[in-house]
Amino acid sequence: MQWKIHGERPIYENSWVNLWLTDVETPDGNRWEHHVVKLRHLAVAAVVNERREVLMMWRHRFITDAWAWELPMGLVEEGETPAEAAAREVLEETGWRPGPIKPLIYAEPANGITDSQHHIFRAD
């Protein structure tokens, strides 16, 4: 059974993140306003060389105050395909120009709170 959407309205918007309140009703009749984070789509690239090594970056993220290995990734710009965005992000973030980009995984990793779509590609 699907939830019914009665309406939605923005409560905060900018070019990076938008927060909306959505008036929803569950199949059992419960109704309330649910927060939804609306984000632009994301492209990620796993670049693998002939030795099966993966190109990654060691980065600090202030939000979690943690260091971690990351794949090149970024937002899909208007007029750009996710594959084009993935290739552009590899070049911008690492200086490497990837080979042919092939779709690997499509995911909506936090679809209970956000509409963010993640397009993950592999390049050899």
PDB file of N, CA and C in Angstrom:
ATOM      1  N   MET A   1       0.842  -1.180   0.000  1.00  0.00           N
ATOM      2  CA  MET A   1       0.000   0.000   0.000  1.00  0.00           C
ATOM      3  C   MET A   1       0.889   1.247   0.000  1.00  0.00           C
ATOM      4  N   GLN A   2       0.448   2.242  -0.736  1.00  0.00           N
ATOM      5  CA  GLN A   2       1.223   3.471  -0.853  1.00  0.00           C
ATOM      6  C   GLN A   2       0.721   4.556   0.088  1.00  0.00           C
ATOM      7  N   TRP A   3       1.628   5.444   0.450  1.00  0.00           N
ATOM      8  CA  TRP A   3       1.252   6.625   1.206  1.00  0.00           C
ATOM      9  C   TRP A   3       0.629   7.623   0.231  1.00  0.00           C
ATOM     10  N   LYS A   4      -0.292   8.424   0.705  1.00  0.00           N
ATOM     11  CA  LYS A   4      -0.929   9.444  -0.123  1.00  0.00           C
ATOM     12  C   LYS A   4      -0.334  10.802   0.233  1.00  0.00           C
ATOM     13  N   ILE A   5       0.009  11.567  -0.781  1.00  0.00           N
ATOM     14  CA  ILE A   5       0.527  12.923  -0.584  1.00  0.00           C
ATOM     15  C   ILE A   5      -0.623  13.898  -0.821  1.00  0.00           C
ATOM     16  N   HIS A   6      -0.929  14.699   0.199  1.00  0.00           N
ATOM     17  CA  HIS A   6      -2.013  15.681   0.094  1.00  0.00           C
ATOM     18  C   HIS A   6      -1.490  17.049  -0.337  1.00  0.00           C
ATOM     19  N   GLY A   7      -0.214  17.280  -0.191  1.00  0.00           N
ATOM     20  CA  GLY A   7       0.379  18.558  -0.577  1.00  0.00           C
ATOM     21  C   GLY A   7       1.768  18.683   0.019  1.00  0.00           C
ATOM     22  N   GLU A   8       2.488  19.697  -0.450  1.00  0.00           N
ATOM     23  CA  GLU A   8       3.822  19.950   0.091  1.00  0.00           C
ATOM     24  C   GLU A   8       4.161  21.414  -0.081  1.00  0.00           C
ATOM     25  N   ARG A   9       5.081  21.883   0.765  1.00  0.00           N
ATOM     26  CA  ARG A   9       5.491  23.281   0.691  1.00  0.00           C
ATOM     27  C   ARG A   9       6.944  23.406   1.139  1.00  0.00           C
ATOM     28  N   PRO A  10       7.671  24.331   0.504  1.00  0.00           N
ATOM     29  CA  PRO A  10       9.062  24.540   0.918  1.00  0.00           C
ATOM     30  C   PRO A  10       9.124  25.329   2.219  1.00  0.00           C
ATOM     31  N   ILE A  11      10.089  24.967   3.068  1.00  0.00           N
ATOM     32  CA  ILE A  11      10.334  25.774   4.269  1.00  0.00           C
ATOM     33  C   ILE A  11      11.743  26.380   4.258  1.00  0.00           C
ATOM     34  N   TYR A  12      12.630  25.843   3.385  1.00  0.00           N
ATOM     35  CA  TYR A  12      13.957  26.428   3.190  1.00  0.00           C
ATOM     36  C   TYR A  12      14.464  25.976   1.826  1.00  0.00           C
ATOM     37  N   GLU A  13      14.988  26.927   1.038  1.00  0.00           N
ATOM     38  CA  GLU A  13      15.518  26.577  -0.282  1.00  0.00           C
ATOM     39  C   GLU A  13      16.792  27.367  -0.563  1.00  0.00           C
ATOM     40  N   ASN A  14      17.779  26.673  -1.149  1.00  0.00           N
ATOM     41  CA  ASN A  14      18.947  27.330  -1.734  1.00  0.00           C
ATOM     42  C   ASN A  14      19.492  26.420  -2.828  1.00  0.00           C
ATOM     43  N   SER A  15      20.632  26.771  -3.416  1.00  0.00           N
ATOM     44  CA  SER A  15      21.145  25.997  -4.556  1.00  0.00           C
ATOM     45  C   SER A  15      21.701  24.631  -4.160  1.00  0.00           C
ATOM     46  N   TRP A  16      21.945  24.384  -2.875  1.00  0.00           N
ATOM     47  CA  TRP A  16      22.519  23.112  -2.427  1.00  0.00           C
ATOM     48  C   TRP A  16      21.499  22.160  -1.842  1.00  0.00           C
ATOM     49  N   VAL A  17      20.596  22.703  -1.024  1.00  0.00           N
ATOM     50  CA  VAL A  17      19.664  21.840  -0.294  1.00  0.00           C
ATOM     51  C   VAL A  17      18.325  22.556  -0.137  1.00  0.00           C
ATOM     52  N   ASN A  18      17.262  21.788  -0.201  1.00  0.00           N
ATOM     53  CA  ASN A  18      15.913  22.319  -0.021  1.00  0.00           C
ATOM     54  C   ASN A  18      15.188  21.452   0.991  1.00  0.00           C
ATOM     55  N   LEU A  19      14.510  22.094   1.925  1.00  0.00           N
ATOM     56  CA  LEU A  19      13.748  21.366   2.936  1.00  0.00           C
ATOM     57  C   LEU A  19      12.269  21.674   2.745  1.00  0.00           C
ATOM     58  N   TRP A  20      11.486  20.615   2.597  1.00  0.00           N
ATOM     59  CA  TRP A  20      10.048  20.751   2.376  1.00  0.00           C
ATOM     60  C   TRP A  20       9.288  20.031   3.476  1.00  0.00           C
ATOM     61  N   LEU A  21       8.061  20.475   3.721  1.00  0.00           N
ATOM     62  CA  LEU A  21       7.117  19.752   4.558  1.00  0.00           C
ATOM     63  C   LEU A  21       6.073  19.152   3.633  1.00  0.00           C
ATOM     64  N   THR A  22       5.892  17.849   3.743  1.00  0.00           N
ATOM     65  CA  THR A  22       4.943  17.138   2.895  1.00  0.00           C
ATOM     66  C   THR A  22       3.822  16.585   3.768  1.00  0.00           C
ATOM     67  N   ASP A  23       2.596  16.916   3.393  1.00  0.00           N
ATOM     68  CA  ASP A  23       1.403  16.436   4.098  1.00  0.00           C
ATOM     69  C   ASP A  23       1.105  15.037   3.576  1.00  0.00           C
ATOM     70  N   VAL A  24       1.359  14.018   4.403  1.00  0.00           N
ATOM     71  CA  VAL A  24       1.218  12.623   3.975  1.00  0.00           C
ATOM     72  C   VAL A  24       0.198  11.878   4.826  1.00  0.00           C
ATOM     73  N   GLU A  25      -0.339  10.817   4.218  1.00  0.00           N
ATOM     74  CA  GLU A  25      -1.259   9.924   4.913  1.00  0.00           C
ATOM     75  C   GLU A  25      -0.824   8.492   4.645  1.00  0.00           C
ATOM     76  N   THR A  26      -0.649   7.717   5.719  1.00  0.00           N
ATOM     77  CA  THR A  26      -0.255   6.314   5.582  1.00  0.00           C
ATOM     78  C   THR A  26      -1.478   5.468   5.234  1.00  0.00           C
ATOM     79  N   PRO A  27      -1.271   4.253   4.738  1.00  0.00           N
ATOM     80  CA  PRO A  27      -2.403   3.391   4.378  1.00  0.00           C
ATOM     81  C   PRO A  27      -3.387   3.141   5.525  1.00  0.00           C
ATOM     82  N   ASP A  28      -2.905   3.227   6.776  1.00  0.00           N
ATOM     83  CA  ASP A  28      -3.820   2.999   7.906  1.00  0.00           C
ATOM     84  C   ASP A  28      -4.550   4.270   8.351  1.00  0.00           C
ATOM     85  N   GLY A  29      -4.373   5.363   7.582  1.00  0.00           N
ATOM     86  CA  GLY A  29      -5.127   6.587   7.844  1.00  0.00           C
ATOM     87  C   GLY A  29      -4.440   7.631   8.695  1.00  0.00           C
ATOM     88  N   ASN A  30      -3.241   7.347   9.207  1.00  0.00           N
ATOM     89  CA  ASN A  30      -2.504   8.355   9.974  1.00  0.00           C
ATOM     90  C   ASN A  30      -2.010   9.446   9.029  1.00  0.00           C
ATOM     91  N   ARG A  31      -2.138  10.697   9.444  1.00  0.00           N
ATOM     92  CA  ARG A  31      -1.751  11.818   8.589  1.00  0.00           C
ATOM     93  C   ARG A  31      -0.893  12.793   9.397  1.00  0.00           C
ATOM     94  N   TRP A  32       0.190  13.268   8.787  1.00  0.00           N
ATOM     95  CA  TRP A  32       1.062  14.251   9.423  1.00  0.00           C
ATOM     96  C   TRP A  32       1.936  14.912   8.373  1.00  0.00           C
ATOM     97  N   GLU A  33       2.730  15.915   8.824  1.00  0.00           N
ATOM     98  CA  GLU A  33       3.680  16.573   7.934  1.00  0.00           C
ATOM     99  C   GLU A  33       5.047  15.921   8.130  1.00  0.00           C
ATOM    100  N   HIS A  34       5.609  15.474   7.032  1.00  0.00           N
ATOM    101  CA  HIS A  34       6.894  14.772   7.036  1.00  0.00           C
ATOM    102  C   HIS A  34       7.940  15.687   6.397  1.00  0.00           C
ATOM    103  N   HIS A  35       9.106  15.831   7.029  1.00  0.00           N
ATOM    104  CA  HIS A  35      10.192  16.624   6.447  1.00  0.00           C
ATOM    105  C   HIS A  35      10.831  15.845   5.302  1.00  0.00           C
ATOM    106  N   VAL A  36      11.068  16.520   4.184  1.00  0.00           N
ATOM    107  CA  VAL A  36      11.726  15.920   3.024  1.00  0.00           C
ATOM    108  C   VAL A  36      12.873  16.837   2.600  1.00  0.00           C
ATOM    109  N   VAL A  37      14.067  16.267   2.490  1.00  0.00           N
ATOM    110  CA  VAL A  37      15.230  16.999   2.005  1.00  0.00           C
ATOM    111  C   VAL A  37      15.334  16.733   0.506  1.00  0.00           C
ATOM    112  N   LYS A  38      15.246  17.798  -0.288  1.00  0.00           N
ATOM    113  CA  LYS A  38      15.328  17.652  -1.745  1.00  0.00           C
ATOM    114  C   LYS A  38      16.718  18.093  -2.189  1.00  0.00           C
ATOM    115  N   LEU A  39      17.402  17.183  -2.870  1.00  0.00           N
ATOM    116  CA  LEU A  39      18.775  17.431  -3.311  1.00  0.00           C
ATOM    117  C   LEU A  39      18.906  17.177  -4.803  1.00  0.00           C
ATOM    118  N   ARG A  40      19.911  17.799  -5.411  1.00  0.00           N
ATOM    119  CA  ARG A  40      20.208  17.494  -6.811  1.00  0.00           C
ATOM    120  C   ARG A  40      20.832  16.104  -6.880  1.00  0.00           C
ATOM    121  N   HIS A  41      20.782  15.507  -8.062  1.00  0.00           N
ATOM    122  CA  HIS A  41      21.316  14.157  -8.245  1.00  0.00           C
ATOM    123  C   HIS A  41      22.837  14.162  -8.118  1.00  0.00           C
ATOM    124  N   LEU A  42      23.380  13.009  -7.717  1.00  0.00           N
ATOM    125  CA  LEU A  42      24.805  12.857  -7.452  1.00  0.00           C
ATOM    126  C   LEU A  42      25.398  11.812  -8.390  1.00  0.00           C
ATOM    127  N   ALA A  43      26.598  12.087  -8.891  1.00  0.00           N
ATOM    128  CA  ALA A  43      27.323  11.134  -9.733  1.00  0.00           C
ATOM    129  C   ALA A  43      28.614  10.737  -9.034  1.00  0.00           C
ATOM    130  N   VAL A  44      28.919   9.446  -9.064  1.00  0.00           N
ATOM    131  CA  VAL A  44      30.085   8.873  -8.387  1.00  0.00           C
ATOM    132  C   VAL A  44      30.834   8.015  -9.394  1.00  0.00           C
ATOM    133  N   ALA A  45      32.168   8.011  -9.323  1.00  0.00           N
ATOM    134  CA  ALA A  45      32.955   7.186 -10.238  1.00  0.00           C
ATOM    135  C   ALA A  45      33.949   6.318  -9.474  1.00  0.00           C
ATOM    136  N   ALA A  46      33.935   5.029  -9.780  1.00  0.00           N
ATOM    137  CA  ALA A  46      34.949   4.098  -9.290  1.00  0.00           C
ATOM    138  C   ALA A  46      35.896   3.851 -10.459  1.00  0.00           C
ATOM    139  N   VAL A  47      37.076   4.448 -10.391  1.00  0.00           N
ATOM    140  CA  VAL A  47      38.070   4.313 -11.459  1.00  0.00           C
ATOM    141  C   VAL A  47      39.038   3.212 -11.045  1.00  0.00           C
ATOM    142  N   VAL A  48      39.126   2.165 -11.873  1.00  0.00           N
ATOM    143  CA  VAL A  48      39.917   0.977 -11.550  1.00  0.00           C
ATOM    144  C   VAL A  48      41.016   0.822 -12.597  1.00  0.00           C
ATOM    145  N   ASN A  49      42.271   0.647 -12.146  1.00  0.00           N
ATOM    146  CA  ASN A  49      43.365   0.470 -13.105  1.00  0.00           C
ATOM    147  C   ASN A  49      43.586  -1.015 -13.415  1.00  0.00           C
ATOM    148  N   GLU A  50      44.607  -1.287 -14.225  1.00  0.00           N
ATOM    149  CA  GLU A  50      44.867  -2.670 -14.663  1.00  0.00           C
ATOM    150  C   GLU A  50      45.293  -3.590 -13.512  1.00  0.00           C
ATOM    151  N   ARG A  51      45.752  -3.013 -12.392  1.00  0.00           N
ATOM    152  CA  ARG A  51      46.116  -3.821 -11.216  1.00  0.00           C
ATOM    153  C   ARG A  51      44.941  -3.949 -10.237  1.00  0.00           C
ATOM    154  N   ARG A  52      43.779  -3.511 -10.670  1.00  0.00           N
ATOM    155  CA  ARG A  52      42.536  -3.560  -9.883  1.00  0.00           C
ATOM    156  C   ARG A  52      42.600  -2.651  -8.650  1.00  0.00           C
ATOM    157  N   GLU A  53      43.391  -1.591  -8.754  1.00  0.00           N
ATOM    158  CA  GLU A  53      43.440  -0.574  -7.710  1.00  0.00           C
ATOM    159  C   GLU A  53      42.373   0.476  -8.016  1.00  0.00           C
ATOM    160  N   VAL A  54      41.738   0.975  -6.974  1.00  0.00           N
ATOM    161  CA  VAL A  54      40.659   1.951  -7.132  1.00  0.00           C
ATOM    162  C   VAL A  54      41.168   3.340  -6.747  1.00  0.00           C
ATOM    163  N   LEU A  55      40.910   4.313  -7.602  1.00  0.00           N
ATOM    164  CA  LEU A  55      41.308   5.699  -7.361  1.00  0.00           C
ATOM    165  C   LEU A  55      40.390   6.303  -6.293  1.00  0.00           C
ATOM    166  N   MET A  56      40.997   6.672  -5.157  1.00  0.00           N
ATOM    167  CA  MET A  56      40.231   7.257  -4.058  1.00  0.00           C
ATOM    168  C   MET A  56      40.995   8.445  -3.487  1.00  0.00           C
ATOM    169  N   MET A  57      40.292   9.263  -2.728  1.00  0.00           N
ATOM    170  CA  MET A  57      40.884  10.448  -2.111  1.00  0.00           C
ATOM    171  C   MET A  57      40.708  10.367  -0.598  1.00  0.00           C
ATOM    172  N   TRP A  58      41.745  10.759   0.140  1.00  0.00           N
ATOM    173  CA  TRP A  58      41.695  10.805   1.606  1.00  0.00           C
ATOM    174  C   TRP A  58      41.270  12.223   1.971  1.00  0.00           C
ATOM    175  N   ARG A  59      40.063  12.375   2.532  1.00  0.00           N
ATOM    176  CA  ARG A  59      39.515  13.709   2.761  1.00  0.00           C
ATOM    177  C   ARG A  59      38.936  13.853   4.165  1.00  0.00           C
ATOM    178  N   HIS A  60      39.011  15.075   4.637  1.00  0.00           N
ATOM    179  CA  HIS A  60      38.374  15.423   5.909  1.00  0.00           C
ATOM    180  C   HIS A  60      37.040  16.096   5.617  1.00  0.00           C
ATOM    181  N   ARG A  61      36.001  15.701   6.348  1.00  0.00           N
ATOM    182  CA  ARG A  61      34.677  16.322   6.230  1.00  0.00           C
ATOM    183  C   ARG A  61      34.350  16.974   7.565  1.00  0.00           C
ATOM    184  N   PHE A  62      34.140  18.286   7.516  1.00  0.00           N
ATOM    185  CA  PHE A  62      33.909  19.025   8.760  1.00  0.00           C
ATOM    186  C   PHE A  62      32.588  18.650   9.428  1.00  0.00           C
ATOM    187  N   ILE A  63      31.591  18.236   8.664  1.00  0.00           N
ATOM    188  CA  ILE A  63      30.278  17.935   9.242  1.00  0.00           C
ATOM    189  C   ILE A  63      30.377  16.802  10.260  1.00  0.00           C
ATOM    190  N   THR A  64      31.131  15.768   9.914  1.00  0.00           N
ATOM    191  CA  THR A  64      31.308  14.636  10.832  1.00  0.00           C
ATOM    192  C   THR A  64      32.641  14.695  11.576  1.00  0.00           C
ATOM    193  N   ASP A  65      33.475  15.695  11.233  1.00  0.00           N
ATOM    194  CA  ASP A  65      34.815  15.840  11.797  1.00  0.00           C
ATOM    195  C   ASP A  65      35.577  14.522  11.706  1.00  0.00           C
ATOM    196  N   ALA A  66      35.578  13.961  10.486  1.00  0.00           N
ATOM    197  CA  ALA A  66      36.229  12.664  10.278  1.00  0.00           C
ATOM    198  C   ALA A  66      36.986  12.656   8.952  1.00  0.00           C
ATOM    199  N   TRP A  67      38.068  11.882   8.937  1.00  0.00           N
ATOM    200  CA  TRP A  67      38.813  11.597   7.716  1.00  0.00           C
ATOM    201  C   TRP A  67      38.325  10.268   7.164  1.00  0.00           C
ATOM    202  N   ALA A  68      38.259  10.158   5.835  1.00  0.00           N
ATOM    203  CA  ALA A  68      37.816   8.902   5.221  1.00  0.00           C
ATOM    204  C   ALA A  68      38.246   8.862   3.763  1.00  0.00           C
ATOM    205  N   TRP A  69      38.341   7.657   3.234  1.00  0.00           N
ATOM    206  CA  TRP A  69      38.590   7.468   1.811  1.00  0.00           C
ATOM    207  C   TRP A  69      37.284   7.690   1.061  1.00  0.00           C
ATOM    208  N   GLU A  70      37.355   8.419  -0.057  1.00  0.00           N
ATOM    209  CA  GLU A  70      36.166   8.716  -0.854  1.00  0.00           C
ATOM    210  C   GLU A  70      36.440   8.490  -2.330  1.00  0.00           C
ATOM    211  N   LEU A  71      35.417   8.084  -3.036  1.00  0.00           N
ATOM    212  CA  LEU A  71      35.448   8.054  -4.493  1.00  0.00           C
ATOM    213  C   LEU A  71      35.148   9.461  -5.000  1.00  0.00           C
ATOM    214  N   PRO A  72      35.654   9.824  -6.188  1.00  0.00           N
ATOM    215  CA  PRO A  72      35.279  11.117  -6.761  1.00  0.00           C
ATOM    216  C   PRO A  72      33.764  11.169  -6.969  1.00  0.00           C
ATOM    217  N   MET A  73      33.161  12.270  -6.544  1.00  0.00           N
ATOM    218  CA  MET A  73      31.709  12.403  -6.688  1.00  0.00           C
ATOM    219  C   MET A  73      31.322  13.867  -6.646  1.00  0.00           C
ATOM    220  N   GLY A  74      30.146  14.140  -7.178  1.00  0.00           N
ATOM    221  CA  GLY A  74      29.638  15.506  -7.142  1.00  0.00           C
ATOM    222  C   GLY A  74      28.256  15.587  -7.745  1.00  0.00           C
ATOM    223  N   LEU A  75      27.734  16.799  -7.743  1.00  0.00           N
ATOM    224  CA  LEU A  75      26.380  17.025  -8.235  1.00  0.00           C
ATOM    225  C   LEU A  75      26.320  16.991  -9.754  1.00  0.00           C
ATOM    226  N   VAL A  76      25.216  16.492 -10.271  1.00  0.00           N
ATOM    227  CA  VAL A  76      24.951  16.523 -11.712  1.00  0.00           C
ATOM    228  C   VAL A  76      24.441  17.923 -12.033  1.00  0.00           C
ATOM    229  N   GLU A  77      25.154  18.615 -12.914  1.00  0.00           N
ATOM    230  CA  GLU A  77      24.776  19.980 -13.280  1.00  0.00           C
ATOM    231  C   GLU A  77      23.657  19.967 -14.314  1.00  0.00           C
ATOM    232  N   GLU A  78      22.936  21.075 -14.408  1.00  0.00           N
ATOM    233  CA  GLU A  78      21.846  21.193 -15.378  1.00  0.00           C
ATOM    234  C   GLU A  78      22.384  21.000 -16.796  1.00  0.00           C
ATOM    235  N   GLY A  79      21.701  20.186 -17.592  1.00  0.00           N
ATOM    236  CA  GLY A  79      22.104  19.915 -18.962  1.00  0.00           C
ATOM    237  C   GLY A  79      23.176  18.849 -19.092  1.00  0.00           C
ATOM    238  N   GLU A  80      23.565  18.239 -18.006  1.00  0.00           N
ATOM    239  CA  GLU A  80      24.628  17.243 -17.977  1.00  0.00           C
ATOM    240  C   GLU A  80      24.031  15.882 -17.635  1.00  0.00           C
ATOM    241  N   THR A  81      24.523  14.828 -18.275  1.00  0.00           N
ATOM    242  CA  THR A  81      24.082  13.485 -17.900  1.00  0.00           C
ATOM    243  C   THR A  81      24.854  13.050 -16.653  1.00  0.00           C
ATOM    244  N   PRO A  82      24.330  12.089 -15.904  1.00  0.00           N
ATOM    245  CA  PRO A  82      25.089  11.586 -14.757  1.00  0.00           C
ATOM    246  C   PRO A  82      26.470  11.054 -15.153  1.00  0.00           C
ATOM    247  N   ALA A  83      26.581  10.388 -16.302  1.00  0.00           N
ATOM    248  CA  ALA A  83      27.882   9.869 -16.747  1.00  0.00           C
ATOM    249  C   ALA A  83      28.857  11.012 -17.024  1.00  0.00           C
ATOM    250  N   GLU A  84      28.381  12.072 -17.660  1.00  0.00           N
ATOM    251  CA  GLU A  84      29.238  13.235 -17.911  1.00  0.00           C
ATOM    252  C   GLU A  84      29.683  13.863 -16.591  1.00  0.00           C
ATOM    253  N   ALA A  85      28.775  13.930 -15.637  1.00  0.00           N
ATOM    254  CA  ALA A  85      29.119  14.495 -14.326  1.00  0.00           C
ATOM    255  C   ALA A  85      30.176  13.650 -13.624  1.00  0.00           C
ATOM    256  N   ALA A  86      30.039  12.334 -13.694  1.00  0.00           N
ATOM    257  CA  ALA A  86      31.017  11.446 -13.053  1.00  0.00           C
ATOM    258  C   ALA A  86      32.407  11.657 -13.652  1.00  0.00           C
ATOM    259  N   ALA A  87      32.495  11.712 -14.981  1.00  0.00           N
ATOM    260  CA  ALA A  87      33.788  11.929 -15.642  1.00  0.00           C
ATOM    261  C   ALA A  87      34.363  13.296 -15.274  1.00  0.00           C
ATOM    262  N   ARG A  88      33.527  14.314 -15.249  1.00  0.00           N
ATOM    263  CA  ARG A  88      33.975  15.662 -14.890  1.00  0.00           C
ATOM    264  C   ARG A  88      34.495  15.696 -13.455  1.00  0.00           C
ATOM    265  N   GLU A  89      33.796  15.048 -12.549  1.00  0.00           N
ATOM    266  CA  GLU A  89      34.223  15.039 -11.148  1.00  0.00           C
ATOM    267  C   GLU A  89      35.571  14.341 -10.967  1.00  0.00           C
ATOM    268  N   VAL A  90      35.803  13.247 -11.685  1.00  0.00           N
ATOM    269  CA  VAL A  90      37.102  12.568 -11.601  1.00  0.00           C
ATOM    270  C   VAL A  90      38.209  13.535 -12.004  1.00  0.00           C
ATOM    271  N   LEU A  91      38.027  14.220 -13.126  1.00  0.00           N
ATOM    272  CA  LEU A  91      39.039  15.152 -13.610  1.00  0.00           C
ATOM    273  C   LEU A  91      39.225  16.317 -12.633  1.00  0.00           C
ATOM    274  N   GLU A  92      38.130  16.912 -12.165  1.00  0.00           N
ATOM    275  CA  GLU A  92      38.219  18.058 -11.253  1.00  0.00           C
ATOM    276  C   GLU A  92      38.858  17.696  -9.915  1.00  0.00           C
ATOM    277  N   GLU A  93      38.510  16.553  -9.372  1.00  0.00           N
ATOM    278  CA  GLU A  93      38.948  16.212  -8.021  1.00  0.00           C
ATOM    279  C   GLU A  93      40.287  15.492  -7.959  1.00  0.00           C
ATOM    280  N   THR A  94      40.682  14.831  -9.046  1.00  0.00           N
ATOM    281  CA  THR A  94      41.920  14.044  -9.001  1.00  0.00           C
ATOM    282  C   THR A  94      42.940  14.438 -10.057  1.00  0.00           C
ATOM    283  N   GLY A  95      42.506  15.117 -11.115  1.00  0.00           N
ATOM    284  CA  GLY A  95      43.401  15.434 -12.218  1.00  0.00           C
ATOM    285  C   GLY A  95      43.512  14.315 -13.236  1.00  0.00           C
ATOM    286  N   TRP A  96      42.920  13.171 -12.964  1.00  0.00           N
ATOM    287  CA  TRP A  96      42.940  12.031 -13.879  1.00  0.00           C
ATOM    288  C   TRP A  96      41.762  12.118 -14.841  1.00  0.00           C
ATOM    289  N   ARG A  97      42.009  11.774 -16.095  1.00  0.00           N
ATOM    290  CA  ARG A  97      40.939  11.721 -17.089  1.00  0.00           C
ATOM    291  C   ARG A  97      40.531  10.255 -17.230  1.00  0.00           C
ATOM    292  N   PRO A  98      39.306   9.904 -16.817  1.00  0.00           N
ATOM    293  CA  PRO A  98      38.904   8.491 -16.832  1.00  0.00           C
ATOM    294  C   PRO A  98      38.661   7.971 -18.240  1.00  0.00           C
ATOM    295  N   GLY A  99      38.768   6.649 -18.378  1.00  0.00           N
ATOM    296  CA  GLY A  99      38.393   5.994 -19.622  1.00  0.00           C
ATOM    297  C   GLY A  99      36.881   5.967 -19.739  1.00  0.00           C
ATOM    298  N   PRO A 100      36.372   5.109 -20.614  1.00  0.00           N
ATOM    299  CA  PRO A 100      34.916   5.031 -20.797  1.00  0.00           C
ATOM    300  C   PRO A 100      34.192   4.775 -19.468  1.00  0.00           C
ATOM    301  N   ILE A 101      33.121   5.516 -19.274  1.00  0.00           N
ATOM    302  CA  ILE A 101      32.305   5.427 -18.057  1.00  0.00           C
ATOM    303  C   ILE A 101      31.160   4.447 -18.302  1.00  0.00           C
ATOM    304  N   LYS A 102      31.037   3.454 -17.406  1.00  0.00           N
ATOM    305  CA  LYS A 102      29.965   2.449 -17.532  1.00  0.00           C
ATOM    306  C   LYS A 102      29.095   2.455 -16.278  1.00  0.00           C
ATOM    307  N   PRO A 103      27.766   2.386 -16.448  1.00  0.00           N
ATOM    308  CA  PRO A 103      26.888   2.351 -15.273  1.00  0.00           C
ATOM    309  C   PRO A 103      27.190   1.136 -14.404  1.00  0.00           C
ATOM    310  N   LEU A 104      27.208   1.347 -13.099  1.00  0.00           N
ATOM    311  CA  LEU A 104      27.477   0.269 -12.155  1.00  0.00           C
ATOM    312  C   LEU A 104      26.279   0.045 -11.230  1.00  0.00           C
ATOM    313  N   ILE A 105      25.846   1.106 -10.552  1.00  0.00           N
ATOM    314  CA  ILE A 105      24.751   1.005  -9.583  1.00  0.00           C
ATOM    315  C   ILE A 105      23.940   2.299  -9.615  1.00  0.00           C
ATOM    316  N   TYR A 106      22.641   2.165  -9.444  1.00  0.00           N
ATOM    317  CA  TYR A 106      21.775   3.312  -9.195  1.00  0.00           C
ATOM    318  C   TYR A 106      21.178   3.101  -7.804  1.00  0.00           C
ATOM    319  N   ALA A 107      21.205   4.137  -6.980  1.00  0.00           N
ATOM    320  CA  ALA A 107      20.682   3.981  -5.619  1.00  0.00           C
ATOM    321  C   ALA A 107      19.988   5.251  -5.150  1.00  0.00           C
ATOM    322  N   GLU A 108      19.034   5.060  -4.276  1.00  0.00           N
ATOM    323  CA  GLU A 108      18.402   6.142  -3.521  1.00  0.00           C
ATOM    324  C   GLU A 108      18.641   5.796  -2.050  1.00  0.00           C
ATOM    325  N   PRO A 109      19.850   6.114  -1.534  1.00  0.00           N
ATOM    326  CA  PRO A 109      20.297   5.556  -0.259  1.00  0.00           C
ATOM    327  C   PRO A 109      19.565   6.019   0.996  1.00  0.00           C
ATOM    328  N   ALA A 110      18.866   7.110   0.941  1.00  0.00           N
ATOM    329  CA  ALA A 110      18.168   7.587   2.148  1.00  0.00           C
ATOM    330  C   ALA A 110      16.761   8.041   1.775  1.00  0.00           C
ATOM    331  N   ASN A 111      16.044   7.192   1.035  1.00  0.00           N
ATOM    332  CA  ASN A 111      14.764   7.613   0.460  1.00  0.00           C
ATOM    333  C   ASN A 111      13.622   7.736   1.465  1.00  0.00           C
ATOM    334  N   GLY A 112      13.898   7.548   2.724  1.00  0.00           N
ATOM    335  CA  GLY A 112      12.906   7.838   3.752  1.00  0.00           C
ATOM    336  C   GLY A 112      12.928   9.292   4.190  1.00  0.00           C
ATOM    337  N   ILE A 113      13.979  10.031   3.772  1.00  0.00           N
ATOM    338  CA  ILE A 113      14.115  11.432   4.172  1.00  0.00           C
ATOM    339  C   ILE A 113      14.497  12.332   2.996  1.00  0.00           C
ATOM    340  N   THR A 114      15.101  11.768   1.934  1.00  0.00           N
ATOM    341  CA  THR A 114      15.559  12.593   0.819  1.00  0.00           C
ATOM    342  C   THR A 114      15.224  11.954  -0.519  1.00  0.00           C
ATOM    343  N   ASP A 115      15.136  12.806  -1.551  1.00  0.00           N
ATOM    344  CA  ASP A 115      14.883  12.316  -2.910  1.00  0.00           C
ATOM    345  C   ASP A 115      16.182  12.169  -3.704  1.00  0.00           C
ATOM    346  N   SER A 116      17.319  12.234  -3.044  1.00  0.00           N
ATOM    347  CA  SER A 116      18.619  12.182  -3.711  1.00  0.00           C
ATOM    348  C   SER A 116      18.819  10.876  -4.480  1.00  0.00           C
ATOM    349  N   GLN A 117      19.190  11.025  -5.739  1.00  0.00           N
ATOM    350  CA  GLN A 117      19.498   9.875  -6.596  1.00  0.00           C
ATOM    351  C   GLN A 117      21.011   9.806  -6.785  1.00  0.00           C
ATOM    352  N   HIS A 118      21.587   8.630  -6.563  1.00  0.00           N
ATOM    353  CA  HIS A 118      23.028   8.436  -6.722  1.00  0.00           C
ATOM    354  C   HIS A 118      23.274   7.532  -7.919  1.00  0.00           C
ATOM    355  N   HIS A 119      24.013   8.056  -8.883  1.00  0.00           N
ATOM    356  CA  HIS A 119      24.377   7.313 -10.088  1.00  0.00           C
ATOM    357  C   HIS A 119      25.851   6.952  -9.949  1.00  0.00           C
ATOM    358  N   ILE A 120      26.147   5.659  -9.845  1.00  0.00           N
ATOM    359  CA  ILE A 120      27.519   5.209  -9.617  1.00  0.00           C
ATOM    360  C   ILE A 120      28.020   4.514 -10.873  1.00  0.00           C
ATOM    361  N   PHE A 121      29.207   4.919 -11.307  1.00  0.00           N
ATOM    362  CA  PHE A 121      29.795   4.420 -12.544  1.00  0.00           C
ATOM    363  C   PHE A 121      31.149   3.779 -12.272  1.00  0.00           C
ATOM    364  N   ARG A 122      31.585   2.980 -13.235  1.00  0.00           N
ATOM    365  CA  ARG A 122      32.927   2.400 -13.202  1.00  0.00           C
ATOM    366  C   ARG A 122      33.661   2.853 -14.455  1.00  0.00           C
ATOM    367  N   ALA A 123      34.913   3.180 -14.276  1.00  0.00           N
ATOM    368  CA  ALA A 123      35.782   3.519 -15.400  1.00  0.00           C
ATOM    369  C   ALA A 123      37.056   2.707 -15.250  1.00  0.00           C
ATOM    370  N   ASP A 124      37.519   2.116 -16.344  1.00  0.00           N
ATOM    371  CA  ASP A 124      38.762   1.333 -16.312  1.00  0.00           C
ATOM    372  C   ASP A 124      39.904   2.154 -16.876  1.00  0.00           C
TER     373      ASP A 124
END
